[in-house]
């Protein structure tokens, strides 16, 4: 896994404890793509993501840009199931 510095910082932010409330959703989508995940649009604000044989559906936050803490925990769980953790 070879991430640029911005994506690496986003990955670390997803795994930080306590859970952060300032991670921007577009940065998370960019991280998914950098990890070679399949990202597709669902209905409404849904985003489908497939990575390492694991699939998940997330809701893109609106009108705010930041991901809420519950969604960030779900992203973390998804990445762990897909075998992704920060170095």
N, C-alpha and C. Protein backbone atom coordinates (compact mmCIF):
# COMPACT_ATOMS: atom_id res chain seq x y z
N UNK A 1 0.86 -1.17 0.00
CA UNK A 1 0.00 0.00 0.00
C UNK A 1 0.90 1.23 0.00
N UNK A 2 0.86 1.97 -1.10
CA UNK A 2 1.70 3.14 -1.25
C UNK A 2 0.80 4.37 -1.41
N UNK A 3 0.62 5.12 -0.32
CA UNK A 3 -0.27 6.27 -0.33
C UNK A 3 0.51 7.57 -0.34
N UNK A 4 -0.04 8.60 -0.98
CA UNK A 4 0.60 9.91 -0.88
C UNK A 4 0.36 10.45 0.53
N UNK A 5 1.00 11.55 0.86
CA UNK A 5 0.95 12.04 2.25
C UNK A 5 -0.46 12.43 2.68
N UNK A 6 -1.25 13.02 1.79
CA UNK A 6 -2.62 13.41 2.16
C UNK A 6 -3.48 12.18 2.46
N UNK A 7 -3.39 11.15 1.62
CA UNK A 7 -4.16 9.93 1.86
C UNK A 7 -3.68 9.21 3.11
N UNK A 8 -2.38 9.22 3.35
CA UNK A 8 -1.83 8.59 4.57
C UNK A 8 -2.35 9.30 5.81
N UNK A 9 -2.42 10.64 5.76
CA UNK A 9 -2.95 11.41 6.90
C UNK A 9 -4.42 11.10 7.13
N UNK A 10 -5.17 10.95 6.04
CA UNK A 10 -6.59 10.60 6.17
C UNK A 10 -6.75 9.23 6.81
N UNK A 11 -5.93 8.27 6.40
CA UNK A 11 -5.99 6.92 6.97
C UNK A 11 -5.71 6.97 8.47
N UNK A 12 -4.71 7.72 8.88
CA UNK A 12 -4.38 7.86 10.30
C UNK A 12 -5.56 8.52 11.03
N UNK A 13 -6.15 9.54 10.43
CA UNK A 13 -7.28 10.25 11.06
C UNK A 13 -8.47 9.32 11.27
N UNK A 14 -8.72 8.42 10.33
CA UNK A 14 -9.83 7.47 10.46
C UNK A 14 -9.63 6.56 11.67
N UNK A 15 -8.38 6.22 11.96
CA UNK A 15 -8.10 5.28 13.05
C UNK A 15 -7.79 5.95 14.39
N UNK A 16 -7.75 7.28 14.43
CA UNK A 16 -7.43 7.97 15.69
C UNK A 16 -8.52 7.76 16.74
N UNK A 17 -8.08 7.70 17.97
CA UNK A 17 -9.00 7.63 19.11
C UNK A 17 -8.68 8.81 20.01
N UNK A 18 -9.63 9.55 20.54
CA UNK A 18 -11.06 9.39 20.29
C UNK A 18 -11.41 9.70 18.83
N UNK A 19 -12.58 9.25 18.41
CA UNK A 19 -13.01 9.41 17.03
C UNK A 19 -13.12 10.90 16.70
N UNK A 20 -12.55 11.28 15.57
CA UNK A 20 -12.55 12.68 15.17
C UNK A 20 -13.86 13.08 14.51
N UNK A 21 -14.17 14.35 14.57
CA UNK A 21 -15.39 14.88 13.95
C UNK A 21 -15.07 15.85 12.82
N UNK A 22 -13.80 15.88 12.39
CA UNK A 22 -13.40 16.87 11.39
C UNK A 22 -12.82 16.24 10.12
N UNK A 23 -13.09 14.96 9.88
CA UNK A 23 -12.57 14.30 8.68
C UNK A 23 -13.55 14.56 7.54
N UNK A 24 -13.04 15.13 6.47
CA UNK A 24 -13.88 15.52 5.32
C UNK A 24 -14.18 14.28 4.48
N UNK A 25 -15.45 14.10 4.11
CA UNK A 25 -15.87 12.91 3.37
C UNK A 25 -15.12 12.77 2.04
N UNK A 26 -14.88 13.86 1.33
CA UNK A 26 -14.19 13.77 0.04
C UNK A 26 -12.78 13.20 0.22
N UNK A 27 -12.15 13.46 1.36
CA UNK A 27 -10.83 12.87 1.64
C UNK A 27 -10.94 11.36 1.84
N UNK A 28 -12.04 10.92 2.46
CA UNK A 28 -12.25 9.48 2.65
C UNK A 28 -12.48 8.80 1.30
N UNK A 29 -13.29 9.42 0.43
CA UNK A 29 -13.50 8.85 -0.90
C UNK A 29 -12.19 8.79 -1.68
N UNK A 30 -11.37 9.82 -1.55
CA UNK A 30 -10.07 9.85 -2.22
C UNK A 30 -9.19 8.72 -1.69
N UNK A 31 -9.24 8.47 -0.38
CA UNK A 31 -8.49 7.37 0.23
C UNK A 31 -8.96 6.03 -0.33
N UNK A 32 -10.28 5.82 -0.40
CA UNK A 32 -10.80 4.57 -0.97
C UNK A 32 -10.23 4.34 -2.37
N UNK A 33 -10.26 5.36 -3.19
CA UNK A 33 -9.77 5.23 -4.57
C UNK A 33 -8.27 4.96 -4.60
N UNK A 34 -7.52 5.59 -3.71
CA UNK A 34 -6.07 5.35 -3.64
C UNK A 34 -5.76 3.92 -3.22
N UNK A 35 -6.68 3.31 -2.47
CA UNK A 35 -6.52 1.92 -2.03
C UNK A 35 -7.03 0.94 -3.09
N UNK A 36 -7.38 1.46 -4.27
CA UNK A 36 -7.90 0.66 -5.40
C UNK A 36 -9.28 0.07 -5.12
N UNK A 37 -10.06 0.74 -4.31
CA UNK A 37 -11.43 0.30 -4.06
C UNK A 37 -12.31 0.67 -5.24
N UNK A 38 -13.36 -0.11 -5.45
CA UNK A 38 -14.39 0.25 -6.42
C UNK A 38 -15.38 1.16 -5.69
N UNK A 39 -15.54 2.37 -6.18
CA UNK A 39 -16.46 3.33 -5.57
C UNK A 39 -17.52 3.68 -6.61
N UNK A 40 -18.79 3.51 -6.25
CA UNK A 40 -19.86 3.83 -7.19
C UNK A 40 -20.99 4.55 -6.45
N UNK A 41 -21.73 5.33 -7.22
CA UNK A 41 -22.84 6.10 -6.68
C UNK A 41 -24.05 5.21 -6.51
N UNK A 42 -24.71 5.34 -5.38
CA UNK A 42 -25.97 4.64 -5.17
C UNK A 42 -27.10 5.65 -5.29
N UNK A 43 -28.26 5.30 -4.77
CA UNK A 43 -29.40 6.22 -4.80
C UNK A 43 -29.21 7.31 -3.76
N UNK A 44 -29.63 8.50 -4.11
CA UNK A 44 -29.52 9.61 -3.17
C UNK A 44 -28.08 9.91 -2.82
N UNK A 45 -27.77 9.92 -1.54
CA UNK A 45 -26.41 10.25 -1.11
C UNK A 45 -25.59 9.00 -0.79
N UNK A 46 -26.07 7.84 -1.22
CA UNK A 46 -25.35 6.60 -0.92
C UNK A 46 -24.13 6.42 -1.82
N UNK A 47 -23.09 5.87 -1.23
CA UNK A 47 -21.86 5.56 -1.95
C UNK A 47 -21.53 4.10 -1.66
N UNK A 48 -21.42 3.30 -2.72
CA UNK A 48 -21.06 1.89 -2.57
C UNK A 48 -19.55 1.74 -2.72
N UNK A 49 -18.96 0.96 -1.83
CA UNK A 49 -17.51 0.76 -1.86
C UNK A 49 -17.22 -0.73 -1.75
N UNK A 50 -16.31 -1.22 -2.61
CA UNK A 50 -15.87 -2.61 -2.54
C UNK A 50 -14.34 -2.61 -2.50
N UNK A 51 -13.79 -3.32 -1.53
CA UNK A 51 -12.34 -3.36 -1.35
C UNK A 51 -11.95 -4.69 -0.73
N UNK A 52 -11.05 -5.41 -1.38
CA UNK A 52 -10.55 -6.66 -0.82
C UNK A 52 -11.65 -7.68 -0.54
N UNK A 53 -12.67 -7.73 -1.40
CA UNK A 53 -13.75 -8.68 -1.21
C UNK A 53 -14.79 -8.24 -0.19
N UNK A 54 -14.63 -7.07 0.38
CA UNK A 54 -15.57 -6.54 1.37
C UNK A 54 -16.37 -5.41 0.71
N UNK A 55 -17.67 -5.41 0.94
CA UNK A 55 -18.54 -4.37 0.38
C UNK A 55 -19.23 -3.60 1.50
N UNK A 56 -19.46 -2.32 1.25
CA UNK A 56 -20.17 -1.49 2.22
C UNK A 56 -20.89 -0.37 1.48
N UNK A 57 -21.91 0.16 2.12
CA UNK A 57 -22.62 1.33 1.60
C UNK A 57 -22.56 2.41 2.67
N UNK A 58 -22.11 3.58 2.27
CA UNK A 58 -22.01 4.71 3.18
C UNK A 58 -22.90 5.83 2.66
N UNK A 59 -23.27 6.73 3.54
CA UNK A 59 -24.06 7.90 3.16
C UNK A 59 -23.14 9.11 3.16
N UNK A 60 -23.07 9.76 2.00
CA UNK A 60 -22.26 10.97 1.87
C UNK A 60 -22.95 12.07 2.70
N UNK A 61 -22.19 12.72 3.59
CA UNK A 61 -22.82 13.76 4.41
C UNK A 61 -23.22 14.98 3.58
N UNK A 62 -24.33 15.57 3.94
CA UNK A 62 -24.76 16.80 3.28
C UNK A 62 -25.69 17.53 4.24
N UNK A 63 -25.72 18.82 4.32
CA UNK A 63 -24.94 19.73 3.49
C UNK A 63 -23.51 19.92 4.00
N UNK A 64 -23.20 19.40 5.19
CA UNK A 64 -21.85 19.58 5.73
C UNK A 64 -20.85 18.69 4.98
N UNK A 65 -19.57 19.03 5.08
CA UNK A 65 -18.52 18.27 4.41
C UNK A 65 -17.94 17.19 5.30
N UNK A 66 -18.00 17.42 6.62
CA UNK A 66 -17.34 16.51 7.57
C UNK A 66 -18.18 15.26 7.80
N UNK A 67 -17.47 14.17 8.02
CA UNK A 67 -18.10 12.88 8.29
C UNK A 67 -18.42 12.79 9.78
N UNK A 68 -19.64 12.34 10.12
CA UNK A 68 -19.96 12.25 11.54
C UNK A 68 -19.22 11.07 12.18
N UNK A 69 -19.16 11.08 13.48
CA UNK A 69 -18.35 10.09 14.20
C UNK A 69 -18.83 8.66 13.96
N UNK A 70 -20.14 8.46 13.91
CA UNK A 70 -20.68 7.12 13.67
C UNK A 70 -20.27 6.58 12.32
N UNK A 71 -20.32 7.43 11.30
CA UNK A 71 -19.92 7.01 9.95
C UNK A 71 -18.42 6.73 9.91
N UNK A 72 -17.65 7.51 10.64
CA UNK A 72 -16.20 7.30 10.66
C UNK A 72 -15.86 5.95 11.30
N UNK A 73 -16.59 5.57 12.34
CA UNK A 73 -16.39 4.26 12.96
C UNK A 73 -16.73 3.16 11.95
N UNK A 74 -17.78 3.36 11.15
CA UNK A 74 -18.14 2.39 10.12
C UNK A 74 -17.07 2.29 9.05
N UNK A 75 -16.49 3.41 8.66
CA UNK A 75 -15.39 3.41 7.68
C UNK A 75 -14.21 2.64 8.25
N UNK A 76 -13.88 2.89 9.51
CA UNK A 76 -12.77 2.19 10.17
C UNK A 76 -13.02 0.68 10.16
N UNK A 77 -14.22 0.26 10.55
CA UNK A 77 -14.57 -1.16 10.59
C UNK A 77 -14.44 -1.78 9.19
N UNK A 78 -14.92 -1.07 8.17
CA UNK A 78 -14.83 -1.53 6.79
C UNK A 78 -13.37 -1.73 6.38
N UNK A 79 -12.52 -0.75 6.69
CA UNK A 79 -11.11 -0.86 6.32
C UNK A 79 -10.43 -2.02 7.04
N UNK A 80 -10.74 -2.23 8.30
CA UNK A 80 -10.16 -3.35 9.05
C UNK A 80 -10.58 -4.67 8.42
N UNK A 81 -11.86 -4.80 8.08
CA UNK A 81 -12.35 -6.03 7.44
C UNK A 81 -11.66 -6.27 6.10
N UNK A 82 -11.30 -5.18 5.40
CA UNK A 82 -10.62 -5.29 4.11
C UNK A 82 -9.11 -5.46 4.28
N UNK A 83 -8.63 -5.49 5.53
CA UNK A 83 -7.20 -5.71 5.78
C UNK A 83 -6.36 -4.46 5.71
N UNK A 84 -6.96 -3.30 5.88
CA UNK A 84 -6.25 -2.02 5.80
C UNK A 84 -6.13 -1.42 7.19
N UNK A 85 -4.90 -1.08 7.57
CA UNK A 85 -4.62 -0.38 8.83
C UNK A 85 -3.45 0.57 8.57
N UNK A 86 -3.36 1.65 9.34
CA UNK A 86 -2.20 2.54 9.16
C UNK A 86 -0.93 1.84 9.62
N UNK A 87 0.19 2.29 9.08
CA UNK A 87 1.50 1.70 9.44
C UNK A 87 1.90 2.09 10.83
